[in-house]
Amino acid sequence: MQDLRNQFKFICDIKPLRDHNGNVESFEVHVENNNIQELSLNKYGQGPFCKFSIPSDIQQSGLYAIALNNELVYIGVCESLSRRFNKGYGMISPRKCFIGGESNNCRINHLIYEASQVAQEIKLYFLETDNKFSIESALIAKVNPVWNISSETKRSIVLESKKLVSESVQLRKSRRKTNCRDELLSAVISLVKDKGKNEFTINEVIEYMNKLNTKYKESTIRTHIASRCCVNAPRHHVTVHNDFRRIGKGVYELHDLEESEL
């Protein structure tokens, strides 16, 4: 842990919200969702969860570490530390709790909730670097933090998620008439998680949906991504839903999705 302090900058203590009696407030956010798509909870979606935040002005990219009582328990990478914690780990929305959502955010939040329940000291450290992935791999191999999961487990979770998404799509088809947006959102969420990056092209989505035997035409999918569901579509287009955002020529991202470590 001393080596970590020499390399990383201490940011803050992670302190979940507490009620007037001093107890950590708990939330089971999945019950707030009417779940009209009839999705199953992801592996970590049950909760309970807590709410917390860190300083909002740390937008740098790099490597972060969480320590409990001076023991390193988790190492991760981020494009923006404040966004990673304040919109990722620290605030669990109903959408994150279901299949296709952000299971790792749910997992880490719940672990922080459990640690705070027994009054453990939770500290956050950060190292600003452009070489974050190689440093992360080396540190995990050296320290083996207990909250980090193995590559094999990550692959297992991805495969399980893909299977459940496919089963969920088939179940919804059998129970009710789905629309293009339903299938499109499920496909895009699964696609970006497979890639490990919140970025996709229309052709990638079309290919992905065709593998799932979608009934929707290529032109319909294109229209939904580029126009009907795009928050920054050209002004002459009619935007109905703010699901996607264009970030480059022919390149889009999920509008509200934070980076997630699967």
Protein backbone atom coordinates (compact mmCIF):
# COMPACT_ATOMS: atom_id res chain seq x y z
CA MET A 1 0.00 0.00 0.00
CA GLN A 2 2.94 2.34 0.66
CA ASP A 3 4.09 1.86 -2.96
CA LEU A 4 0.61 2.89 -4.07
CA ARG A 5 0.79 6.14 -2.08
CA ASN A 6 4.11 6.95 -3.74
CA GLN A 7 2.61 6.64 -7.23
CA PHE A 8 -1.02 7.63 -6.77
CA LYS A 9 -2.57 10.85 -5.52
CA PHE A 10 -5.06 10.59 -2.67
CA ILE A 11 -8.40 12.02 -3.82
CA CYS A 12 -10.90 11.58 -1.01
CA ASP A 13 -12.68 9.24 1.34
CA ILE A 14 -15.71 7.59 -0.21
CA LYS A 15 -18.61 8.32 2.13
CA PRO A 16 -22.07 7.02 1.18
CA LEU A 17 -25.11 9.05 2.22
CA ARG A 18 -26.38 8.37 5.73
CA ASP A 19 -29.74 9.03 7.37
CA HIS A 20 -30.31 11.17 10.47
CA ASN A 21 -29.45 8.17 12.66
CA GLY A 22 -26.08 7.74 11.00
CA ASN A 23 -27.03 4.60 9.09
CA VAL A 24 -25.97 4.15 5.47
CA GLU A 25 -28.99 4.78 3.27
CA SER A 26 -29.84 1.78 1.10
CA PHE A 27 -31.64 1.72 -2.23
CA GLU A 28 -33.15 -1.11 -4.29
CA VAL A 29 -33.52 0.93 -7.43
CA HIS A 30 -34.75 -1.83 -9.73
CA VAL A 31 -38.19 -1.63 -8.07
CA GLU A 32 -38.48 1.95 -9.37
CA ASN A 33 -38.58 0.65 -12.95
CA ASN A 34 -41.87 -0.53 -14.45
CA ASN A 35 -39.76 -2.80 -16.71
CA ILE A 36 -42.08 -2.66 -19.69
CA GLN A 37 -39.46 -4.60 -21.69
CA GLU A 38 -39.70 -7.47 -19.17
CA LEU A 39 -35.92 -7.70 -18.74
CA SER A 40 -34.27 -9.85 -16.08
CA LEU A 41 -32.00 -8.35 -13.43
CA ASN A 42 -28.30 -8.65 -14.18
CA LYS A 43 -26.08 -10.68 -11.87
CA TYR A 44 -25.55 -7.75 -9.49
CA GLY A 45 -28.78 -5.80 -10.05
CA GLN A 46 -30.60 -6.82 -6.87
CA GLY A 47 -28.66 -4.46 -4.61
CA PRO A 48 -29.05 -2.94 -2.13
CA PHE A 49 -27.08 0.09 -3.27
CA CYS A 50 -25.81 3.32 -1.77
CA LYS A 51 -25.25 6.83 -3.10
CA PHE A 52 -21.99 8.76 -2.95
CA SER A 53 -19.96 11.29 -4.92
CA ILE A 54 -16.40 12.57 -5.27
CA PRO A 55 -15.14 16.04 -6.32
CA SER A 56 -16.63 16.90 -9.71
CA ASP A 57 -13.61 18.68 -11.21
CA ILE A 58 -11.32 15.68 -11.86
CA GLN A 59 -11.83 15.13 -15.57
CA GLN A 60 -8.43 13.57 -16.31
CA SER A 61 -7.94 10.10 -17.76
CA GLY A 62 -5.98 7.51 -15.86
CA LEU A 63 -5.93 4.77 -13.27
CA TYR A 64 -7.79 4.73 -9.97
CA ALA A 65 -7.55 2.56 -6.88
CA ILE A 66 -9.89 1.88 -3.96
CA ALA A 67 -8.50 0.92 -0.57
CA LEU A 68 -10.27 -0.44 2.51
CA ASN A 69 -8.49 0.18 5.80
CA ASN A 70 -5.24 0.71 3.84
CA GLU A 71 -5.65 -2.53 1.86
CA LEU A 72 -5.85 -2.17 -1.92
CA VAL A 73 -9.05 -3.89 -3.08
CA TYR A 74 -9.80 -2.54 -6.57
CA ILE A 75 -7.97 -1.07 -9.55
CA GLY A 76 -9.68 0.36 -12.62
CA VAL A 77 -9.25 2.74 -15.55
CA CYS A 78 -11.31 5.74 -16.59
CA GLU A 79 -11.53 8.50 -19.17
CA SER A 80 -12.76 10.94 -16.51
CA LEU A 81 -12.45 10.12 -12.81
CA SER A 82 -15.34 12.34 -11.71
CA ARG A 83 -17.69 10.97 -14.34
CA ARG A 84 -16.63 7.41 -13.60
CA PHE A 85 -17.61 7.68 -9.96
CA ASN A 86 -20.37 10.30 -9.90
CA LYS A 87 -22.32 8.99 -12.89
CA GLY A 88 -21.12 5.39 -12.72
CA TYR A 89 -20.42 3.82 -9.36
CA GLY A 90 -21.98 6.45 -7.11
CA MET A 91 -25.43 6.69 -8.68
CA ILE A 92 -27.16 3.46 -9.70
CA SER A 93 -30.16 4.04 -11.95
CA PRO A 94 -32.82 1.39 -12.63
CA ARG A 95 -31.52 0.94 -16.18
CA LYS A 96 -28.15 -0.27 -14.85
CA CYS A 97 -29.73 -3.10 -12.87
CA PHE A 98 -31.14 -5.11 -15.75
CA ILE A 99 -29.63 -7.32 -18.42
CA GLY A 100 -27.82 -5.11 -20.90
CA GLY A 101 -27.22 -2.51 -18.17
CA GLU A 102 -24.04 -1.72 -16.25
CA SER A 103 -23.47 -4.74 -14.03
CA ASN A 104 -19.98 -3.71 -12.89
CA ASN A 105 -21.28 -0.39 -11.57
CA CYS A 106 -23.87 -2.35 -9.58
CA ARG A 107 -21.21 -4.74 -8.27
CA ILE A 108 -18.77 -2.07 -7.07
CA ASN A 109 -21.50 0.10 -5.56
CA HIS A 110 -22.83 -2.84 -3.55
CA LEU A 111 -19.33 -3.72 -2.33
CA ILE A 112 -18.86 -0.12 -1.16
CA TYR A 113 -22.27 -0.30 0.52
CA GLU A 114 -21.28 -3.46 2.39
CA ALA A 115 -17.91 -2.02 3.44
CA SER A 116 -19.50 1.17 4.75
CA GLN A 117 -22.00 -0.89 6.74
CA VAL A 118 -19.19 -2.18 8.93
CA ALA A 119 -17.50 1.22 9.21
CA GLN A 120 -14.52 0.41 7.00
CA GLU A 121 -12.42 3.34 5.84
CA ILE A 122 -12.82 3.63 2.06
CA LYS A 123 -10.23 5.74 0.24
CA LEU A 124 -9.87 6.68 -3.42
CA TYR A 125 -6.51 7.22 -5.16
CA PHE A 126 -5.75 8.35 -8.71
CA LEU A 127 -2.86 8.30 -11.17
CA GLU A 128 -3.20 10.50 -14.25
CA THR A 129 -1.60 8.63 -17.16
CA ASP A 130 -2.00 7.82 -20.85
CA ASN A 131 -0.54 4.37 -20.20
CA LYS A 132 -3.37 3.27 -17.95
CA PHE A 133 -4.16 -0.13 -19.45
CA SER A 134 -0.66 -1.58 -19.23
CA ILE A 135 -0.18 -0.20 -15.70
CA GLU A 136 -3.55 -1.62 -14.68
CA SER A 137 -2.64 -5.09 -15.96
CA ALA A 138 0.73 -5.04 -14.21
CA LEU A 139 -0.72 -3.89 -10.89
CA ILE A 140 -3.56 -6.40 -10.93
CA ALA A 141 -1.10 -9.21 -11.69
CA LYS A 142 1.17 -8.05 -8.86
CA VAL A 143 -1.39 -7.23 -6.15
CA ASN A 144 -4.43 -9.33 -7.14
CA PRO A 145 -7.01 -6.96 -5.57
CA VAL A 146 -9.96 -8.88 -4.13
CA TRP A 147 -12.62 -6.78 -5.89
CA ASN A 148 -11.12 -7.23 -9.35
CA ILE A 149 -12.47 -10.20 -11.25
CA SER A 150 -10.42 -12.40 -13.55
CA SER A 151 -10.49 -12.20 -17.34
CA GLU A 152 -12.09 -15.63 -17.40
CA THR A 153 -14.87 -14.44 -15.10
CA LYS A 154 -15.34 -11.32 -17.23
CA ARG A 155 -15.74 -13.44 -20.35
CA SER A 156 -18.20 -15.67 -18.51
CA ILE A 157 -20.28 -12.65 -17.49
CA VAL A 158 -20.28 -11.31 -21.07
CA LEU A 159 -21.39 -14.67 -22.47
CA GLU A 160 -24.06 -15.00 -19.81
CA SER A 161 -25.28 -11.49 -20.53
CA LYS A 162 -25.45 -12.15 -24.29
CA LYS A 163 -27.40 -15.35 -23.67
CA LEU A 164 -29.86 -13.63 -21.35
CA VAL A 165 -30.30 -10.71 -23.75
CA SER A 166 -31.12 -13.14 -26.56
CA GLU A 167 -33.53 -15.06 -24.33
CA SER A 168 -35.13 -11.82 -23.19
CA VAL A 169 -35.65 -10.69 -26.78
CA GLN A 170 -37.28 -14.00 -27.66
CA LEU A 171 -39.48 -13.86 -24.56
CA ARG A 172 -40.68 -10.37 -25.37
CA LYS A 173 -41.45 -11.45 -28.91
CA SER A 174 -43.61 -14.29 -27.62
CA ARG A 175 -45.48 -12.07 -25.12
CA ARG A 176 -46.07 -8.85 -26.96
CA LYS A 177 -45.43 -7.00 -30.15
CA THR A 178 -42.04 -5.31 -29.91
CA ASN A 179 -40.95 -2.21 -31.75
CA CYS A 180 -37.71 -1.37 -33.48
CA ARG A 181 -36.45 0.83 -30.66
CA ASP A 182 -36.77 -2.03 -28.13
CA GLU A 183 -34.60 -4.38 -30.17
CA LEU A 184 -32.24 -1.61 -31.25
CA LEU A 185 -31.45 -0.52 -27.68
CA SER A 186 -30.83 -4.09 -26.52
CA ALA A 187 -28.60 -4.75 -29.51
CA VAL A 188 -26.56 -1.54 -29.13
CA ILE A 189 -26.05 -2.05 -25.38
CA SER A 190 -24.83 -5.60 -25.98
CA LEU A 191 -22.64 -4.49 -28.89
CA VAL A 192 -20.80 -1.75 -27.00
CA LYS A 193 -20.24 -4.07 -24.04
CA ASP A 194 -18.77 -6.70 -26.37
CA LYS A 195 -16.43 -4.01 -27.75
CA GLY A 196 -15.62 -2.64 -24.30
CA LYS A 197 -16.13 0.85 -25.66
CA ASN A 198 -19.17 3.12 -25.94
CA GLU A 199 -18.84 3.60 -29.67
CA PHE A 200 -20.53 2.00 -32.67
CA THR A 201 -21.42 2.45 -36.33
CA ILE A 202 -24.75 1.88 -37.98
CA ASN A 203 -23.35 -0.99 -40.04
CA GLU A 204 -22.12 -2.74 -36.89
CA VAL A 205 -25.61 -2.53 -35.38
CA ILE A 206 -27.27 -3.78 -38.55
CA GLU A 207 -24.91 -6.76 -38.69
CA TYR A 208 -25.49 -7.48 -34.98
CA MET A 209 -29.29 -7.32 -35.29
CA ASN A 210 -29.27 -9.49 -38.40
CA LYS A 211 -27.45 -12.18 -36.42
CA LEU A 212 -30.38 -12.05 -33.97
CA ASN A 213 -32.76 -12.50 -36.92
CA THR A 214 -34.35 -9.08 -36.59
CA LYS A 215 -37.48 -8.47 -38.61
CA TYR A 216 -36.63 -4.81 -39.21
CA LYS A 217 -35.25 -3.51 -42.48
CA GLU A 218 -31.85 -1.91 -42.75
CA SER A 219 -33.42 1.43 -43.68
CA THR A 220 -35.61 1.38 -40.55
CA ILE A 221 -32.62 0.72 -38.29
CA ARG A 222 -30.64 3.50 -39.97
CA THR A 223 -33.48 5.97 -39.51
CA HIS A 224 -33.85 5.16 -35.83
CA ILE A 225 -30.14 5.57 -35.09
CA ALA A 226 -29.41 8.64 -37.20
CA SER A 227 -32.67 10.50 -36.72
CA ARG A 228 -35.49 9.31 -34.47
CA CYS A 229 -33.28 8.31 -31.52
CA CYS A 230 -30.30 10.65 -31.95
CA VAL A 231 -30.02 13.57 -29.53
CA ASN A 232 -27.93 15.66 -31.94
CA ALA A 233 -29.51 14.65 -35.24
CA PRO A 234 -29.53 17.28 -38.02
CA ARG A 235 -32.12 19.98 -37.39
CA HIS A 236 -34.34 18.94 -40.28
CA HIS A 237 -34.72 15.46 -38.72
CA VAL A 238 -37.44 14.59 -36.23
CA THR A 239 -35.96 13.33 -32.96
CA VAL A 240 -38.36 11.33 -30.77
CA HIS A 241 -35.98 9.67 -28.28
CA ASN A 242 -32.58 10.73 -26.89
CA ASP A 243 -30.95 7.30 -26.94
CA PHE A 244 -27.85 7.95 -29.07
CA ARG A 245 -25.42 10.74 -29.83
CA ARG A 246 -23.34 11.22 -32.98
CA ILE A 247 -19.66 11.65 -32.04
CA GLY A 248 -18.07 11.52 -35.47
CA LYS A 249 -18.77 10.83 -39.12
CA GLY A 250 -20.89 7.68 -39.07
CA VAL A 251 -19.95 7.01 -35.42
CA TYR A 252 -22.37 7.07 -32.48
CA GLU A 253 -22.51 6.36 -28.75
CA LEU A 254 -25.19 5.55 -26.20
CA HIS A 255 -26.17 8.95 -24.87
CA ASP A 256 -26.31 8.15 -21.13
CA LEU A 257 -23.95 5.18 -20.85
CA GLU A 258 -20.84 5.56 -18.73
CA GLU A 259 -17.76 3.44 -19.42
CA SER A 260 -18.17 0.09 -17.74
CA GLU A 261 -15.58 -2.58 -16.97
CA LEU A 262 -17.04 -5.91 -17.88
